[in-house]
Protein backbone atom coordinates (compact mmCIF):
# COMPACT_ATOMS: atom_id res chain seq x y z
CA UNK A 1 9.07 24.48 -6.29
CA UNK A 2 5.76 22.50 -7.40
CA UNK A 3 2.88 24.27 -7.65
CA UNK A 4 -0.73 22.81 -6.13
CA UNK A 5 -2.21 23.09 -9.87
CA UNK A 6 1.20 20.95 -11.23
CA UNK A 7 0.41 18.00 -8.94
CA UNK A 8 -3.30 17.61 -9.20
CA UNK A 9 -4.51 19.54 -6.17
CA UNK A 10 -6.87 22.14 -6.09
CA UNK A 11 -4.93 25.19 -4.86
CA UNK A 12 -5.29 26.39 -1.33
CA UNK A 13 -6.39 30.14 -0.47
CA UNK A 14 -2.48 31.20 0.77
CA UNK A 15 -5.11 33.63 2.73
CA UNK A 16 -5.81 31.47 5.21
CA UNK A 17 -4.00 30.06 7.75
CA UNK A 18 -3.89 26.04 6.85
CA UNK A 19 -6.09 24.00 9.00
CA UNK A 20 -3.94 21.61 10.93
CA UNK A 21 -6.95 20.41 13.06
CA UNK A 22 -8.70 18.76 9.90
CA UNK A 23 -5.31 17.54 8.48
CA UNK A 24 -4.46 15.41 11.91
CA UNK A 25 -8.00 14.43 12.10
CA UNK A 26 -8.09 13.42 8.59
CA UNK A 27 -4.62 11.15 8.54
CA UNK A 28 -5.54 9.82 11.64
CA UNK A 29 -9.27 8.12 11.09
CA UNK A 30 -7.75 7.71 6.92
CA UNK A 31 -4.72 5.70 9.25
CA UNK A 32 -6.44 3.55 11.12
CA UNK A 33 -9.44 2.60 8.10
CA UNK A 34 -6.25 1.40 5.52
CA UNK A 35 -4.47 -0.48 9.07
CA UNK A 36 -7.66 -2.35 9.10
CA UNK A 37 -7.50 -2.45 5.61
CA UNK A 38 -4.44 -4.53 6.36
CA UNK A 39 -5.62 -6.64 9.03
CA UNK A 40 -8.76 -7.77 7.19
CA UNK A 41 -6.57 -8.59 3.58
CA UNK A 42 -3.39 -10.60 5.39
CA UNK A 43 -4.93 -11.81 8.60
CA UNK A 44 -6.08 -15.21 6.28
CA UNK A 45 -2.22 -16.52 5.83
CA UNK A 46 -1.85 -16.53 9.11
CA UNK A 47 -4.64 -19.02 10.12
CA UNK A 48 -4.01 -20.83 7.18
CA UNK A 49 -0.26 -21.27 8.03
CA UNK A 50 -0.88 -21.93 12.26
CA UNK A 51 -0.67 -25.07 13.23
CA UNK A 52 -3.47 -24.83 15.81
CA UNK A 53 -6.13 -23.55 12.78
CA UNK A 54 -8.59 -25.92 11.23
CA UNK A 55 -9.07 -23.78 8.79
CA UNK A 56 -7.52 -26.17 5.79
CA UNK A 57 -9.38 -29.38 6.94
CA UNK A 58 -12.74 -27.17 7.24
CA UNK A 59 -12.23 -25.57 3.51
CA UNK A 60 -11.39 -28.94 2.24
CA UNK A 61 -8.18 -27.64 0.76
CA UNK A 62 -6.43 -30.75 -1.09
CA UNK A 63 -3.41 -28.43 -2.33
CA UNK A 64 -2.80 -25.74 0.25
CA UNK A 65 0.52 -23.44 -0.07
CA UNK A 66 -1.54 -23.60 -4.22
CA UNK A 67 -5.25 -22.49 -2.91
CA UNK A 68 -4.16 -20.28 -0.16
CA UNK A 69 -2.16 -18.16 -3.20
CA UNK A 70 -5.67 -18.21 -4.98
CA UNK A 71 -7.42 -16.36 -2.00
CA UNK A 72 -5.10 -13.74 -2.09
CA UNK A 73 -4.71 -13.49 -6.19
CA UNK A 74 -8.44 -13.29 -6.08
CA UNK A 75 -8.43 -9.96 -3.54
CA UNK A 76 -5.46 -8.57 -5.77
CA UNK A 77 -7.04 -8.72 -8.33
CA UNK A 78 -10.14 -7.34 -7.55
CA UNK A 79 -8.87 -4.82 -5.85
CA UNK A 80 -6.58 -3.59 -8.67
CA UNK A 81 -10.08 -3.13 -10.99
CA UNK A 82 -11.69 -1.36 -8.40
CA UNK A 83 -8.61 0.89 -7.90
CA UNK A 84 -9.03 1.64 -11.41
CA UNK A 85 -12.72 2.47 -11.42
CA UNK A 86 -13.46 3.99 -7.84
CA UNK A 87 -10.65 6.16 -7.61
CA UNK A 88 -12.35 8.47 -10.52
CA UNK A 89 -15.39 7.97 -9.19
CA UNK A 90 -14.72 9.88 -6.04
CA UNK A 91 -12.86 12.81 -7.89
CA UNK A 92 -16.01 13.31 -9.82
CA UNK A 93 -18.94 12.69 -7.18
CA UNK A 94 -17.27 12.82 -3.90
CA UNK A 95 -14.84 11.54 -0.92
CA UNK A 96 -17.36 10.18 1.37
CA UNK A 97 -19.32 8.19 -1.08
CA UNK A 98 -16.53 6.10 -1.63
CA UNK A 99 -14.69 5.64 1.36
CA UNK A 100 -18.07 5.39 4.08
CA UNK A 101 -19.23 2.40 1.95
CA UNK A 102 -15.84 1.17 1.44
CA UNK A 103 -15.29 0.72 5.03
CA UNK A 104 -18.43 -0.83 6.08
CA UNK A 105 -18.31 -3.69 3.21
CA UNK A 106 -15.23 -4.86 3.55
CA UNK A 107 -15.53 -5.23 7.22
CA UNK A 108 -18.84 -6.86 7.31
CA UNK A 109 -17.20 -9.37 5.03
CA UNK A 110 -14.44 -10.10 6.86
CA UNK A 111 -16.97 -11.35 9.17
CA UNK A 112 -19.00 -13.25 6.74
CA UNK A 113 -15.95 -15.13 5.88
CA UNK A 114 -15.92 -16.85 8.99
CA UNK A 115 -18.81 -18.70 7.49
CA UNK A 116 -17.33 -19.90 4.79
CA UNK A 117 -16.77 -23.56 4.17
CA UNK A 118 -15.90 -24.12 1.02
CA UNK A 119 -13.14 -23.30 -1.24
CA UNK A 120 -14.56 -21.33 -4.21
CA UNK A 121 -16.85 -19.33 -0.97
CA UNK A 122 -13.93 -18.39 0.39
CA UNK A 123 -12.39 -17.18 -3.17
CA UNK A 124 -15.55 -15.32 -4.05
CA UNK A 125 -15.87 -13.44 0.00
CA UNK A 126 -11.96 -12.71 -0.82
CA UNK A 127 -12.65 -11.22 -4.43
CA UNK A 128 -15.93 -9.02 -2.80
CA UNK A 129 -13.14 -7.60 -0.01
CA UNK A 130 -11.05 -6.55 -2.91
CA UNK A 131 -13.46 -4.50 -4.75
CA UNK A 132 -14.25 -2.58 -1.16
CA UNK A 133 -10.42 -1.74 -0.63
CA UNK A 134 -9.78 -1.61 -3.93
CA UNK A 135 -12.33 1.71 -3.62
CA UNK A 136 -10.97 2.66 -0.70
CA UNK A 137 -7.16 2.78 -1.08
CA UNK A 138 -6.71 5.57 -4.22
CA UNK A 139 -9.08 7.37 -2.74
CA UNK A 140 -7.93 7.72 1.20
CA UNK A 141 -4.88 8.69 -0.78
CA UNK A 142 -6.01 11.39 -2.35
CA UNK A 143 -7.90 12.71 0.86
CA UNK A 144 -4.84 12.83 2.78
CA UNK A 145 -2.63 14.62 -0.25
CA UNK A 146 -5.70 17.34 0.10
CA UNK A 147 -5.76 17.47 3.40
CA UNK A 148 -1.95 17.86 4.34
CA UNK A 149 0.40 21.31 3.98
CA UNK A 150 2.75 20.47 0.61
CA UNK A 151 5.78 20.27 3.07
CA UNK A 152 4.48 17.44 4.98
CA UNK A 153 2.76 15.66 2.11
CA UNK A 154 5.32 12.50 2.10
CA UNK A 155 5.43 12.32 5.55
CA UNK A 156 1.55 12.22 6.08
CA UNK A 157 0.91 9.42 3.26
CA UNK A 158 3.85 7.09 4.13
CA UNK A 159 2.54 7.47 8.00
CA UNK A 160 -1.27 6.21 6.53
CA UNK A 161 0.08 4.03 4.10
CA UNK A 162 2.59 2.43 7.21
CA UNK A 163 -0.81 1.04 9.56
CA UNK A 164 -1.19 -1.06 6.50
CA UNK A 165 1.98 -2.91 7.49
CA UNK A 166 1.19 -2.60 11.15
CA UNK A 167 -1.88 -3.46 11.13
CA UNK A 168 -1.66 -6.50 8.99
CA UNK A 169 1.90 -8.12 8.74
CA UNK A 170 2.58 -7.00 12.27
CA UNK A 171 -0.08 -7.14 14.87
CA UNK A 172 -1.82 -9.42 12.62
CA UNK A 173 0.37 -12.32 13.02
CA UNK A 174 0.84 -12.21 16.98
CA UNK A 175 -3.27 -11.34 17.36
CA UNK A 176 -4.59 -14.59 14.65
CA UNK A 177 -1.59 -16.91 16.44
CA UNK A 178 -2.91 -15.63 20.18
CA UNK A 179 -7.13 -15.58 19.16
CA UNK A 180 -6.92 -19.18 18.44
CA UNK A 181 -5.52 -20.40 21.70
CA UNK A 182 -9.11 -19.33 23.06
CA UNK A 183 -11.73 -19.45 19.70
CA UNK A 184 -12.00 -20.82 16.01
CA UNK A 185 -10.68 -19.03 13.18
CA UNK A 186 -14.20 -18.20 12.11
CA UNK A 187 -14.64 -15.87 14.82
CA UNK A 188 -11.06 -14.76 14.24
CA UNK A 189 -12.66 -13.17 11.42
CA UNK A 190 -15.63 -11.98 12.73
CA UNK A 191 -13.53 -10.02 15.59
CA UNK A 192 -11.07 -7.82 13.08
CA UNK A 193 -13.94 -7.04 11.22
CA UNK A 194 -15.80 -5.21 13.84
CA UNK A 195 -13.42 -1.88 14.25
CA UNK A 196 -13.92 -1.05 10.65
CA UNK A 197 -17.52 -0.29 11.63
CA UNK A 198 -16.47 2.65 14.12
CA UNK A 199 -14.06 4.28 11.91
CA UNK A 200 -16.48 4.40 9.36
CA UNK A 201 -19.17 6.44 11.16
CA UNK A 202 -15.93 8.61 12.02
CA UNK A 203 -14.96 9.15 9.06
CA UNK A 204 -18.56 9.79 7.55
CA UNK A 205 -18.60 12.36 10.37
CA UNK A 206 -15.39 14.33 9.32
CA UNK A 207 -13.74 14.24 6.09
CA UNK A 208 -14.54 17.25 3.83
CA UNK A 209 -15.35 16.81 0.28
CA UNK A 210 -12.25 18.58 -2.13
CA UNK A 211 -13.26 22.10 -3.71
CA UNK A 212 -13.43 20.28 -6.94
CA UNK A 213 -17.24 18.76 -5.76
CA UNK A 214 -20.17 20.41 -5.37
CA UNK A 215 -21.54 20.31 -1.99
CA UNK A 216 -23.92 22.36 0.27
CA UNK A 217 -21.27 24.05 1.40
CA UNK A 218 -19.74 25.05 -1.91
CA UNK A 219 -22.63 24.55 -4.52
CA UNK A 220 -20.70 26.52 -6.88
CA UNK A 221 -17.59 23.76 -7.67
CA UNK A 222 -16.64 22.80 -10.78
CA UNK A 223 -17.26 18.98 -11.00
CA UNK A 224 -13.58 17.29 -11.53
CA UNK A 225 -12.86 16.01 -14.84
CA UNK A 226 -13.62 12.53 -16.20
CA UNK A 227 -10.94 9.90 -16.47
CA UNK A 228 -8.67 10.90 -19.70
CA UNK A 229 -5.97 8.32 -20.00
CA UNK A 230 -3.70 10.88 -22.51
CA UNK A 231 -3.84 13.19 -19.46
CA UNK A 232 -2.70 10.52 -17.14
CA UNK A 233 -0.06 9.47 -18.97
CA UNK A 234 1.39 12.59 -19.95
CA UNK A 235 3.89 12.39 -16.66
CA UNK A 236 6.53 9.85 -17.53
CA UNK A 237 6.73 8.47 -13.64
CA UNK A 238 2.82 7.23 -14.21
CA UNK A 239 3.65 4.16 -16.28
CA UNK A 240 6.69 4.10 -14.54
CA UNK A 241 5.14 3.46 -11.10
CA UNK A 242 2.69 1.48 -12.89
CA UNK A 243 5.49 -0.64 -13.58
CA UNK A 244 7.73 -0.48 -10.36
CA UNK A 245 4.65 -0.85 -8.27
CA UNK A 246 4.36 -4.62 -9.33
CA UNK A 247 7.81 -5.09 -9.08
CA UNK A 248 7.42 -3.85 -5.73
CA UNK A 249 4.21 -5.90 -4.94
CA UNK A 250 5.08 -9.31 -6.27
CA UNK A 251 8.60 -8.68 -3.87
CA UNK A 252 6.36 -7.76 -0.96
CA UNK A 253 3.04 -9.91 -1.47
CA UNK A 254 4.56 -12.81 -2.50
CA UNK A 255 6.64 -13.18 1.16
CA UNK A 256 3.64 -11.54 2.78
CA UNK A 257 1.56 -14.52 1.59
CA UNK A 258 3.76 -17.55 2.15
CA UNK A 259 6.25 -16.71 5.07
CA UNK A 260 4.11 -18.31 7.33
CA UNK A 261 3.93 -21.63 5.59
CA UNK A 262 6.98 -20.91 4.44
CA UNK A 263 8.57 -20.79 8.36
CA UNK A 264 6.20 -23.71 9.43
CA UNK A 265 6.60 -25.85 6.93
CA UNK A 266 10.12 -25.45 5.58
CA UNK A 267 12.08 -24.34 8.76
CA UNK A 268 9.93 -26.29 11.24
CA UNK A 269 9.32 -23.56 13.35
CA UNK A 270 6.54 -23.57 16.02
CA UNK A 271 3.51 -21.45 15.62
CA UNK A 272 4.68 -18.68 18.30
CA UNK A 273 8.15 -18.92 16.51
CA UNK A 274 6.10 -18.49 13.44
CA UNK A 275 4.42 -15.59 14.45
CA UNK A 276 7.30 -13.77 15.90
CA UNK A 277 9.10 -14.10 12.73
CA UNK A 278 6.47 -12.85 10.21
CA UNK A 279 5.56 -9.91 12.63
CA UNK A 280 8.89 -8.44 11.33
CA UNK A 281 7.29 -8.09 7.84
CA UNK A 282 4.64 -5.84 9.73
CA UNK A 283 6.94 -3.77 12.21
CA UNK A 284 9.86 -3.12 9.26
CA UNK A 285 6.94 -2.62 6.81
CA UNK A 286 5.16 0.22 9.51
CA UNK A 287 8.65 1.60 9.69
CA UNK A 288 9.64 1.57 5.87
CA UNK A 289 6.11 2.81 4.35
CA UNK A 290 5.80 5.76 6.92
CA UNK A 291 9.89 6.20 7.26
CA UNK A 292 10.94 5.96 3.20
CA UNK A 293 7.75 8.52 2.03
CA UNK A 294 8.70 11.17 5.28
CA UNK A 295 12.73 11.15 4.26
CA UNK A 296 11.90 11.78 0.22
CA UNK A 297 10.51 14.78 1.14
CA UNK A 298 14.37 15.95 1.45
CA UNK A 299 16.35 13.49 -0.55
CA UNK A 300 13.92 13.00 -3.27
CA UNK A 301 11.35 10.45 -4.98
CA UNK A 302 13.78 8.84 -7.07
CA UNK A 303 16.86 8.10 -4.64
CA UNK A 304 14.68 6.60 -2.35
CA UNK A 305 13.16 4.38 -4.39
CA UNK A 306 16.52 3.10 -6.04
CA UNK A 307 17.69 2.26 -2.53
CA UNK A 308 14.29 0.49 -1.28
CA UNK A 309 14.43 -1.68 -3.85
CA UNK A 310 17.93 -2.40 -3.52
CA UNK A 311 18.12 -3.20 -0.02
CA UNK A 312 15.04 -4.76 0.25
CA UNK A 313 16.79 -7.61 -2.76
CA UNK A 314 19.90 -7.81 -0.44
CA UNK A 315 18.49 -8.85 2.63
CA UNK A 316 15.59 -11.21 1.17
CA UNK A 317 18.88 -12.58 -0.58
CA UNK A 318 20.31 -12.52 2.97
CA UNK A 319 17.54 -14.31 4.40
CA UNK A 320 16.50 -17.07 1.63
CA UNK A 321 20.52 -18.55 2.75
CA UNK A 322 19.29 -18.60 6.70
CA UNK A 323 18.21 -21.38 8.38
CA UNK A 324 15.73 -21.57 11.73
CA UNK A 325 18.64 -22.17 14.22
CA UNK A 326 18.60 -17.88 15.17
CA UNK A 327 14.54 -16.93 15.04
CA UNK A 328 15.72 -13.14 16.18
CA UNK A 329 18.56 -13.17 13.29
CA UNK A 330 15.43 -14.18 11.13
CA UNK A 331 13.36 -10.85 12.30
CA UNK A 332 15.75 -8.71 11.80
CA UNK A 333 16.95 -9.72 8.58
CA UNK A 334 13.60 -9.88 7.38
CA UNK A 335 12.67 -6.46 9.34
CA UNK A 336 14.94 -4.78 7.09
CA UNK A 337 14.05 -6.67 3.65
CA UNK A 338 10.23 -5.40 3.65
CA UNK A 339 10.92 -2.24 5.71
CA UNK A 340 12.58 -1.03 2.23
CA UNK A 341 10.09 -3.04 0.52
CA UNK A 342 6.74 -1.47 2.07
CA UNK A 343 8.60 1.81 1.79
CA UNK A 344 8.01 1.51 -1.76
CA UNK A 345 4.19 0.64 -1.22
CA UNK A 346 3.78 3.96 -0.06
CA UNK A 347 6.49 6.04 -1.76
CA UNK A 348 5.09 5.00 -5.13
CA UNK A 349 1.29 5.10 -4.57
CA UNK A 350 1.63 8.12 -2.25
CA UNK A 351 3.66 10.97 -3.40
CA UNK A 352 5.33 10.02 -6.74
CA UNK A 353 1.58 9.17 -7.88
CA UNK A 354 -0.05 12.24 -6.30
CA UNK A 355 2.88 14.44 -7.97
CA UNK A 356 2.89 13.27 -11.10
CA UNK A 357 -1.56 13.63 -11.11
CA UNK A 358 -3.20 15.84 -13.58
CA UNK A 359 -4.98 19.21 -11.53
CA UNK A 360 -8.09 17.18 -10.19
CA UNK A 361 -7.35 13.66 -10.86
CA UNK A 362 -5.58 12.56 -7.95
CA UNK A 363 -7.19 9.56 -6.89
CA UNK A 364 -8.11 8.72 -10.82
CA UNK A 365 -3.94 8.95 -11.13
CA UNK A 366 -3.19 6.78 -8.02
CA UNK A 367 -6.36 4.48 -9.01
CA UNK A 368 -4.32 3.15 -12.18
CA UNK A 369 -1.18 2.80 -11.06
CA UNK A 370 -2.50 0.95 -7.76
CA UNK A 371 -4.30 -1.02 -9.86
CA UNK A 372 -1.82 -2.36 -12.57
CA UNK A 373 0.54 -2.95 -9.71
CA UNK A 374 -1.93 -4.63 -7.67
CA UNK A 375 -4.17 -6.98 -10.80
CA UNK A 376 -0.08 -8.27 -11.83
CA UNK A 377 1.73 -7.69 -8.78
CA UNK A 378 -0.67 -8.51 -5.67
CA UNK A 379 -2.73 -10.60 -8.00
CA UNK A 380 -1.50 -12.82 -10.22
CA UNK A 381 2.17 -13.12 -8.20
CA UNK A 382 0.91 -15.09 -5.65
CA UNK A 383 -1.22 -17.17 -7.72
CA UNK A 384 2.12 -17.85 -9.22
CA UNK A 385 3.60 -17.57 -6.03
CA UNK A 386 1.50 -20.32 -4.86
CA UNK A 387 1.66 -22.59 -8.36
CA UNK A 388 5.45 -22.67 -7.88
CA UNK A 389 4.90 -23.61 -4.20
CA UNK A 390 2.73 -26.32 -4.95
CA UNK A 391 4.83 -28.26 -7.54
CA UNK A 392 8.84 -27.02 -6.51
CA UNK A 393 8.57 -26.13 -2.72
CA UNK A 394 7.22 -23.20 -0.57
CA UNK A 395 11.14 -21.99 -0.17
CA UNK A 396 11.06 -21.41 -4.01
CA UNK A 397 8.72 -18.52 -3.62
CA UNK A 398 11.25 -16.52 -1.68
CA UNK A 399 13.27 -16.64 -5.76
CA UNK A 400 9.92 -14.63 -7.17
CA UNK A 401 10.15 -12.04 -4.92
CA UNK A 402 13.61 -11.67 -4.74
CA UNK A 403 13.57 -11.42 -8.96
CA UNK A 404 10.84 -8.50 -8.74
CA UNK A 405 12.90 -6.31 -6.30
CA UNK A 406 15.88 -6.82 -8.51
CA UNK A 407 13.95 -5.55 -11.81
CA UNK A 408 12.14 -2.82 -9.88
CA UNK A 409 15.55 -1.32 -8.99
CA UNK A 410 16.60 -0.70 -13.08
CA UNK A 411 12.85 1.07 -13.28
CA UNK A 412 13.03 3.18 -10.49
CA UNK A 413 16.40 4.62 -12.22
CA UNK A 414 14.29 6.18 -15.15
CA UNK A 415 11.88 8.20 -12.55
CA UNK A 416 11.45 12.14 -12.80
CA UNK A 417 12.57 13.75 -9.38
CA UNK A 418 9.19 15.34 -8.40
CA UNK A 419 9.66 16.38 -4.27
CA UNK A 420 8.87 19.77 -3.98
CA UNK A 421 11.84 20.34 -2.08
CA UNK A 422 14.10 18.79 -4.45
CA UNK A 423 12.60 20.42 -7.09
CA UNK A 424 12.51 23.71 -5.83
CA UNK A 425 16.59 23.63 -4.70
CA UNK A 426 17.40 22.55 -8.22
CA UNK A 427 15.75 25.53 -9.83
CA UNK A 428 17.09 28.05 -6.74
CA UNK A 429 20.28 26.68 -8.28
CA UNK A 430 19.92 26.72 -11.38
CA UNK A 431 19.04 30.51 -11.30
CA UNK A 432 21.86 31.43 -9.40
CA UNK A 433 24.41 29.72 -11.67
CA UNK A 434 22.37 31.50 -14.29
CA UNK A 435 22.73 35.22 -12.34
CA UNK A 436 26.79 34.41 -11.56
CA UNK A 437 27.32 33.34 -15.45
CA UNK A 438 25.84 36.73 -16.53
CA UNK A 439 27.93 38.72 -14.06
CA UNK A 440 31.20 37.18 -14.90
CA UNK A 441 30.19 38.38 -18.45
CA UNK A 442 29.28 41.72 -17.34
CA UNK A 443 33.04 41.82 -15.68
CA UNK A 444 34.63 40.44 -18.20
CA UNK A 445 33.08 42.97 -20.93
């Protein structure tokens, strides 16, 4: 069985009952927080793609597909840089000192985004949002991992990360297109920023610090170690996860960024039909992000990673070959592709990253993996997709997304299995085989 010390977690005191009440409080609050991260991140694509929105002329966008891609790229690159830096700071100085300011900052910046009137100003706002959201992601993942009973780690991390897709890409298109019927895109930004301030207050009152952080209630703790790249790369799943996350993000983030424009501009759907079909990314992603990680507790991280990339690629190819005559079928196919692809995000940055981390460096390890994946998969890839859309047509952005998923299949073949149930069962089976061999040898003598 994989023990706590081997995966970066402080060993629990087995003489004390597990604090399930705190576990669920932490999971629920940080799940809501990550859902709001997703909503604030992706609502801009819906507002830009909707025909009823005046964002494009208000911001004086001359090449909307490419420039919307730059908005998303700016946030992704800033997210990646912040994740690499802030994850280690939270390992050393505490979770609340990173999570609470991050929640407040990205909520306020979402509202401020509605006041912008020029392309470069919006790029700056999105980059600043990326810094705060990048700080929140690895720190909150580490906090959920620490609060979770080992047998529920994949389930809880999957649940937390599933809210990103559910809020940002499930409810987001519906919220955006419906609010546009009664208000402007500027007020939509302000409205979606308010709930994060409430969650920040609740997190400040609830979340505990890990045993490695010095606090008033734990004055004798030894602060977590400083970031050591050599330590982080001792487990081969860390560099593999950087590549795999890059591939997964290239697939799902390019698709998420350009689907609204693809559906209205290329397939000629109405705003309401676009909102319905695009919501498949969010609802499918919600089930995928929760389900793939949860199932990996039983069937293994490696197998679920391979299947996630494979199913996501096959159904994206089918989606690419469809026309706009059957919106329900478009929804179903996109639902399956997005569910599989988004499930990879939670699987790679959640249990796989957690179980590959050295002691006391969970957020640092997750931050490095998320950082590289975000900079290139969540940042550079949408920018490339925007350039492809501007030069060759919006439909060819799907080729870039598909390519990322196909490469991800190959990368995931090299993962080392770390799921506690799988590793524990394999060890038991090996011991049993050895015992049978010894008994057989004695009987033969």
